[in-house]
Amino acid sequence: MKLRALAHSRTGDKGNTSNIALIAYDIADYGHLEAHVTPERVQEHFREIMTGEVIRYALPKIGALNFVLKGALGGGVTRSLALDAHGKALGSALLDLDIPDRASTDIVRIA
C-alpha cells in the first residue's frame, strides 16, 4: 500500500535541510508507520537527491514522525537550481513510499 493511505505530510526547509512531518490520519496506525517508515527507508527513497543523513523524531502522542533530511535541497533556496527549491513537493514524494498493508503485518493472538 502507499503511505498516503495512512498519513499526510507537511514540509519545511532551512538552508539545505528539508523537514518532513508525517502525520497518521488515525492514531491507531502510528505503530505501523513507526515500524515501516524508518530513516533508512526514507534515505533510500530520496537517494537520488540527498547528500546527507536522515534523522527521525518520533511523536507518538500526536501520531506523527518528523524527518530531517540533511543535504536534500541542492544547496538551499538561494543556491539551488531545482524548480522546488523549498522542497515542498518532498512531502508528497514521501507519501508515494510503498509500505506493507496493515493486514499482512498484524499479529493475531489466539487465547
N, C-alpha and C. Protein backbone atom coordinates (compact mmCIF):
# COMPACT_ATOMS: atom_id res chain seq x y z
N MET A 1 0.83 -1.17 0.00
CA MET A 1 0.00 0.00 0.00
C MET A 1 0.88 1.24 0.00
N LYS A 2 0.35 2.32 -0.49
CA LYS A 2 1.07 3.59 -0.47
C LYS A 2 0.91 4.24 0.90
N LEU A 3 1.96 4.88 1.35
CA LEU A 3 1.97 5.56 2.63
C LEU A 3 0.83 6.58 2.73
N ARG A 4 0.46 7.20 1.61
CA ARG A 4 -0.59 8.21 1.61
C ARG A 4 -1.95 7.67 2.06
N ALA A 5 -2.12 6.35 2.07
CA ALA A 5 -3.38 5.77 2.54
C ALA A 5 -3.54 5.92 4.05
N LEU A 6 -2.43 6.07 4.77
CA LEU A 6 -2.48 6.13 6.23
C LEU A 6 -2.08 7.47 6.82
N ALA A 7 -1.47 8.35 6.02
CA ALA A 7 -0.91 9.57 6.60
C ALA A 7 -0.90 10.72 5.60
N HIS A 8 -0.72 11.90 6.14
CA HIS A 8 -0.50 13.09 5.33
C HIS A 8 0.81 13.72 5.78
N SER A 9 1.27 14.75 5.07
CA SER A 9 2.57 15.32 5.39
C SER A 9 2.56 16.84 5.32
N ARG A 10 3.55 17.41 5.98
CA ARG A 10 3.83 18.86 5.92
C ARG A 10 5.34 18.99 5.76
N THR A 11 5.78 19.99 5.04
CA THR A 11 7.21 20.15 4.84
C THR A 11 7.66 21.57 5.19
N GLY A 12 8.94 21.66 5.45
CA GLY A 12 9.57 22.95 5.70
C GLY A 12 11.02 22.87 5.27
N ASP A 13 11.72 23.98 5.34
CA ASP A 13 13.12 23.98 4.94
C ASP A 13 13.90 25.00 5.75
N LYS A 14 15.17 24.74 5.88
CA LYS A 14 16.11 25.67 6.50
C LYS A 14 17.44 25.40 5.83
N GLY A 15 17.87 26.32 4.99
CA GLY A 15 19.12 26.12 4.27
C GLY A 15 19.02 24.93 3.34
N ASN A 16 19.94 24.00 3.46
CA ASN A 16 19.99 22.81 2.62
C ASN A 16 19.30 21.62 3.28
N THR A 17 18.52 21.87 4.32
CA THR A 17 17.86 20.81 5.07
C THR A 17 16.35 20.89 4.89
N SER A 18 15.75 19.74 4.59
CA SER A 18 14.30 19.65 4.49
C SER A 18 13.75 18.95 5.73
N ASN A 19 12.59 19.37 6.13
CA ASN A 19 11.91 18.80 7.29
C ASN A 19 10.56 18.28 6.80
N ILE A 20 10.29 17.00 7.02
CA ILE A 20 9.02 16.41 6.60
C ILE A 20 8.33 15.81 7.81
N ALA A 21 7.14 16.32 8.12
CA ALA A 21 6.32 15.75 9.18
C ALA A 21 5.34 14.78 8.53
N LEU A 22 5.28 13.57 9.07
CA LEU A 22 4.37 12.53 8.60
C LEU A 22 3.36 12.30 9.70
N ILE A 23 2.08 12.57 9.44
CA ILE A 23 1.06 12.52 10.47
C ILE A 23 0.01 11.49 10.10
N ALA A 24 -0.21 10.53 11.00
CA ALA A 24 -1.21 9.49 10.76
C ALA A 24 -2.61 10.09 10.76
N TYR A 25 -3.45 9.63 9.85
CA TYR A 25 -4.86 10.06 9.87
C TYR A 25 -5.53 9.51 11.12
N ASP A 26 -5.16 8.28 11.48
CA ASP A 26 -5.74 7.60 12.64
C ASP A 26 -4.59 7.21 13.56
N ILE A 27 -4.65 7.62 14.81
CA ILE A 27 -3.58 7.34 15.78
C ILE A 27 -3.32 5.84 15.90
N ALA A 28 -4.33 5.02 15.61
CA ALA A 28 -4.16 3.56 15.69
C ALA A 28 -3.14 3.06 14.66
N ASP A 29 -2.87 3.82 13.62
CA ASP A 29 -1.91 3.42 12.59
C ASP A 29 -0.49 3.87 12.88
N TYR A 30 -0.29 4.62 13.95
CA TYR A 30 1.03 5.16 14.26
C TYR A 30 2.09 4.07 14.39
N GLY A 31 1.81 3.00 15.10
CA GLY A 31 2.78 1.92 15.27
C GLY A 31 3.21 1.30 13.95
N HIS A 32 2.26 1.17 13.05
CA HIS A 32 2.56 0.62 11.72
C HIS A 32 3.49 1.57 10.96
N LEU A 33 3.22 2.85 11.05
CA LEU A 33 4.09 3.84 10.40
C LEU A 33 5.48 3.82 11.02
N GLU A 34 5.53 3.79 12.33
CA GLU A 34 6.83 3.79 13.02
C GLU A 34 7.67 2.58 12.64
N ALA A 35 7.01 1.45 12.48
CA ALA A 35 7.73 0.21 12.14
C ALA A 35 8.24 0.21 10.70
N HIS A 36 7.52 0.84 9.80
CA HIS A 36 7.84 0.70 8.38
C HIS A 36 8.41 1.94 7.70
N VAL A 37 8.33 3.09 8.34
CA VAL A 37 8.89 4.31 7.74
C VAL A 37 10.10 4.70 8.60
N THR A 38 11.19 4.03 8.32
CA THR A 38 12.42 4.21 9.08
C THR A 38 13.32 5.25 8.41
N PRO A 39 14.30 5.77 9.14
CA PRO A 39 15.24 6.69 8.49
C PRO A 39 15.94 6.06 7.29
N GLU A 40 16.23 4.78 7.39
CA GLU A 40 16.90 4.08 6.29
C GLU A 40 16.01 4.01 5.05
N ARG A 41 14.72 3.74 5.25
CA ARG A 41 13.79 3.69 4.11
C ARG A 41 13.64 5.06 3.47
N VAL A 42 13.57 6.11 4.30
CA VAL A 42 13.44 7.47 3.77
C VAL A 42 14.71 7.86 3.01
N GLN A 43 15.87 7.51 3.57
CA GLN A 43 17.15 7.79 2.90
C GLN A 43 17.19 7.11 1.54
N GLU A 44 16.77 5.87 1.48
CA GLU A 44 16.77 5.13 0.22
C GLU A 44 15.76 5.74 -0.76
N HIS A 45 14.62 6.14 -0.26
CA HIS A 45 13.57 6.72 -1.11
C HIS A 45 14.05 8.00 -1.81
N PHE A 46 14.86 8.79 -1.09
CA PHE A 46 15.36 10.05 -1.63
C PHE A 46 16.84 9.99 -2.03
N ARG A 47 17.36 8.81 -2.28
CA ARG A 47 18.78 8.61 -2.55
C ARG A 47 19.32 9.44 -3.71
N GLU A 48 18.48 9.76 -4.68
CA GLU A 48 18.95 10.49 -5.85
C GLU A 48 19.15 11.99 -5.59
N ILE A 49 18.57 12.51 -4.53
CA ILE A 49 18.70 13.95 -4.27
C ILE A 49 19.45 14.27 -2.98
N MET A 50 19.63 13.29 -2.11
CA MET A 50 20.21 13.55 -0.80
C MET A 50 21.73 13.39 -0.78
N THR A 51 22.38 14.25 -0.01
CA THR A 51 23.82 14.12 0.19
C THR A 51 24.16 13.93 1.67
N GLY A 52 23.16 13.99 2.53
CA GLY A 52 23.40 13.88 3.97
C GLY A 52 22.59 12.77 4.60
N GLU A 53 22.43 12.86 5.90
CA GLU A 53 21.74 11.83 6.66
C GLU A 53 20.27 12.18 6.87
N VAL A 54 19.51 11.18 7.32
CA VAL A 54 18.11 11.36 7.71
C VAL A 54 18.01 11.08 9.20
N ILE A 55 17.41 12.01 9.91
CA ILE A 55 17.17 11.85 11.35
C ILE A 55 15.66 11.79 11.55
N ARG A 56 15.21 10.83 12.34
CA ARG A 56 13.77 10.69 12.61
C ARG A 56 13.48 11.00 14.07
N TYR A 57 12.45 11.79 14.29
CA TYR A 57 11.96 12.09 15.63
C TYR A 57 10.55 11.53 15.75
N ALA A 58 10.31 10.74 16.78
CA ALA A 58 9.00 10.12 17.00
C ALA A 58 8.15 11.01 17.91
N LEU A 59 6.91 11.19 17.53
CA LEU A 59 5.95 11.97 18.31
C LEU A 59 4.69 11.12 18.51
N PRO A 60 4.78 10.06 19.30
CA PRO A 60 3.67 9.10 19.41
C PRO A 60 2.38 9.68 19.97
N LYS A 61 2.45 10.67 20.82
CA LYS A 61 1.22 11.22 21.41
C LYS A 61 0.35 11.95 20.40
N ILE A 62 0.97 12.40 19.31
CA ILE A 62 0.17 13.03 18.26
C ILE A 62 0.16 12.19 16.98
N GLY A 63 0.72 10.98 17.04
CA GLY A 63 0.69 10.07 15.89
C GLY A 63 1.51 10.56 14.71
N ALA A 64 2.68 11.12 15.01
CA ALA A 64 3.48 11.70 13.93
C ALA A 64 4.95 11.28 14.01
N LEU A 65 5.59 11.33 12.87
CA LEU A 65 7.04 11.14 12.75
C LEU A 65 7.57 12.37 12.05
N ASN A 66 8.70 12.87 12.51
CA ASN A 66 9.31 14.03 11.87
C ASN A 66 10.67 13.61 11.32
N PHE A 67 10.89 13.87 10.04
CA PHE A 67 12.14 13.51 9.39
C PHE A 67 12.91 14.76 9.00
N VAL A 68 14.18 14.79 9.35
CA VAL A 68 15.07 15.87 8.97
C VAL A 68 16.02 15.30 7.93
N LEU A 69 15.96 15.84 6.71
CA LEU A 69 16.77 15.36 5.59
C LEU A 69 17.86 16.38 5.32
N LYS A 70 19.07 16.05 5.72
CA LYS A 70 20.20 16.96 5.53
C LYS A 70 20.75 16.80 4.11
N GLY A 71 21.08 17.92 3.50
CA GLY A 71 21.63 17.88 2.14
C GLY A 71 20.61 17.46 1.10
N ALA A 72 19.36 17.88 1.28
CA ALA A 72 18.29 17.44 0.37
C ALA A 72 17.81 18.52 -0.59
N LEU A 73 18.32 19.74 -0.46
CA LEU A 73 17.75 20.84 -1.25
C LEU A 73 18.72 21.49 -2.23
N GLY A 74 19.68 20.73 -2.70
CA GLY A 74 20.58 21.23 -3.73
C GLY A 74 21.35 22.47 -3.34
N GLY A 75 21.70 22.58 -2.06
CA GLY A 75 22.46 23.73 -1.58
C GLY A 75 21.62 24.76 -0.86
N GLY A 76 20.32 24.66 -0.93
CA GLY A 76 19.44 25.62 -0.27
C GLY A 76 18.74 26.52 -1.27
N VAL A 77 17.75 27.23 -0.80
CA VAL A 77 16.88 28.03 -1.65
C VAL A 77 17.64 29.03 -2.52
N THR A 78 18.61 29.71 -1.98
CA THR A 78 19.31 30.74 -2.75
C THR A 78 20.36 30.18 -3.70
N ARG A 79 20.69 28.90 -3.55
CA ARG A 79 21.72 28.29 -4.40
C ARG A 79 21.20 27.23 -5.35
N SER A 80 20.04 26.67 -5.05
CA SER A 80 19.52 25.55 -5.82
C SER A 80 18.98 25.99 -7.18
N LEU A 81 19.18 25.14 -8.17
CA LEU A 81 18.59 25.36 -9.49
C LEU A 81 17.32 24.53 -9.67
N ALA A 82 16.90 23.85 -8.61
CA ALA A 82 15.71 23.00 -8.68
C ALA A 82 14.45 23.85 -8.80
N LEU A 83 13.44 23.31 -9.46
CA LEU A 83 12.16 24.00 -9.56
C LEU A 83 11.48 24.14 -8.20
N ASP A 84 11.73 23.18 -7.31
CA ASP A 84 11.14 23.19 -5.97
C ASP A 84 12.25 23.38 -4.94
N ALA A 85 12.85 24.54 -4.93
CA ALA A 85 14.00 24.79 -4.06
C ALA A 85 13.66 24.72 -2.58
N HIS A 86 12.39 24.96 -2.23
CA HIS A 86 11.97 24.87 -0.83
C HIS A 86 11.67 23.43 -0.42
N GLY A 87 11.57 22.53 -1.37
CA GLY A 87 11.31 21.12 -1.08
C GLY A 87 9.89 20.81 -0.68
N LYS A 88 8.95 21.66 -1.05
CA LYS A 88 7.55 21.44 -0.66
C LYS A 88 6.98 20.15 -1.25
N ALA A 89 7.47 19.73 -2.39
CA ALA A 89 6.98 18.50 -3.02
C ALA A 89 7.55 17.24 -2.37
N LEU A 90 8.56 17.37 -1.52
CA LEU A 90 9.16 16.18 -0.90
C LEU A 90 8.17 15.45 0.00
N GLY A 91 7.29 16.17 0.66
CA GLY A 91 6.27 15.53 1.49
C GLY A 91 5.37 14.64 0.66
N SER A 92 4.94 15.14 -0.48
CA SER A 92 4.11 14.34 -1.38
C SER A 92 4.89 13.15 -1.93
N ALA A 93 6.17 13.37 -2.23
CA ALA A 93 7.00 12.28 -2.74
C ALA A 93 7.17 11.18 -1.69
N LEU A 94 7.29 11.57 -0.42
CA LEU A 94 7.40 10.57 0.64
C LEU A 94 6.12 9.74 0.74
N LEU A 95 4.97 10.37 0.53
CA LEU A 95 3.70 9.65 0.62
C LEU A 95 3.55 8.60 -0.48
N ASP A 96 4.41 8.62 -1.47
CA ASP A 96 4.40 7.62 -2.53
C ASP A 96 5.17 6.35 -2.14
N LEU A 97 5.78 6.36 -0.97
CA LEU A 97 6.54 5.20 -0.47
C LEU A 97 5.61 4.01 -0.28
N ASP A 98 6.04 2.85 -0.73
CA ASP A 98 5.27 1.61 -0.52
C ASP A 98 5.59 1.04 0.85
N ILE A 99 4.55 0.71 1.61
CA ILE A 99 4.71 0.03 2.89
C ILE A 99 3.79 -1.18 2.90
N PRO A 100 4.08 -2.17 3.76
CA PRO A 100 3.20 -3.34 3.82
C PRO A 100 1.79 -2.94 4.25
N ASP A 101 0.82 -3.65 3.73
CA ASP A 101 -0.56 -3.45 4.15
C ASP A 101 -0.70 -3.82 5.63
N ARG A 102 -1.52 -3.12 6.35
CA ARG A 102 -1.69 -3.39 7.78
C ARG A 102 -2.09 -4.83 8.03
N ALA A 103 -3.01 -5.37 7.26
CA ALA A 103 -3.49 -6.72 7.47
C ALA A 103 -2.39 -7.77 7.33
N SER A 104 -1.42 -7.52 6.46
CA SER A 104 -0.36 -8.50 6.22
C SER A 104 0.69 -8.50 7.33
N THR A 105 0.67 -7.50 8.20
CA THR A 105 1.68 -7.44 9.26
C THR A 105 1.07 -7.52 10.66
N ASP A 106 -0.26 -7.57 10.75
CA ASP A 106 -0.89 -7.68 12.05
C ASP A 106 -0.64 -9.06 12.65
N ILE A 107 -0.40 -9.10 13.93
CA ILE A 107 -0.20 -10.37 14.64
C ILE A 107 -1.53 -10.77 15.27
N VAL A 108 -1.96 -11.97 14.98
CA VAL A 108 -3.21 -12.48 15.55
C VAL A 108 -2.85 -13.34 16.75
N ARG A 109 -3.41 -13.01 17.90
CA ARG A 109 -3.17 -13.79 19.11
C ARG A 109 -4.39 -14.65 19.41
N ILE A 110 -4.14 -15.89 19.64
CA ILE A 110 -5.22 -16.83 19.98
C ILE A 110 -5.14 -17.09 21.47
N ALA A 111 -6.24 -16.84 22.16
CA ALA A 111 -6.26 -17.02 23.63
C ALA A 111 -6.57 -18.44 24.00
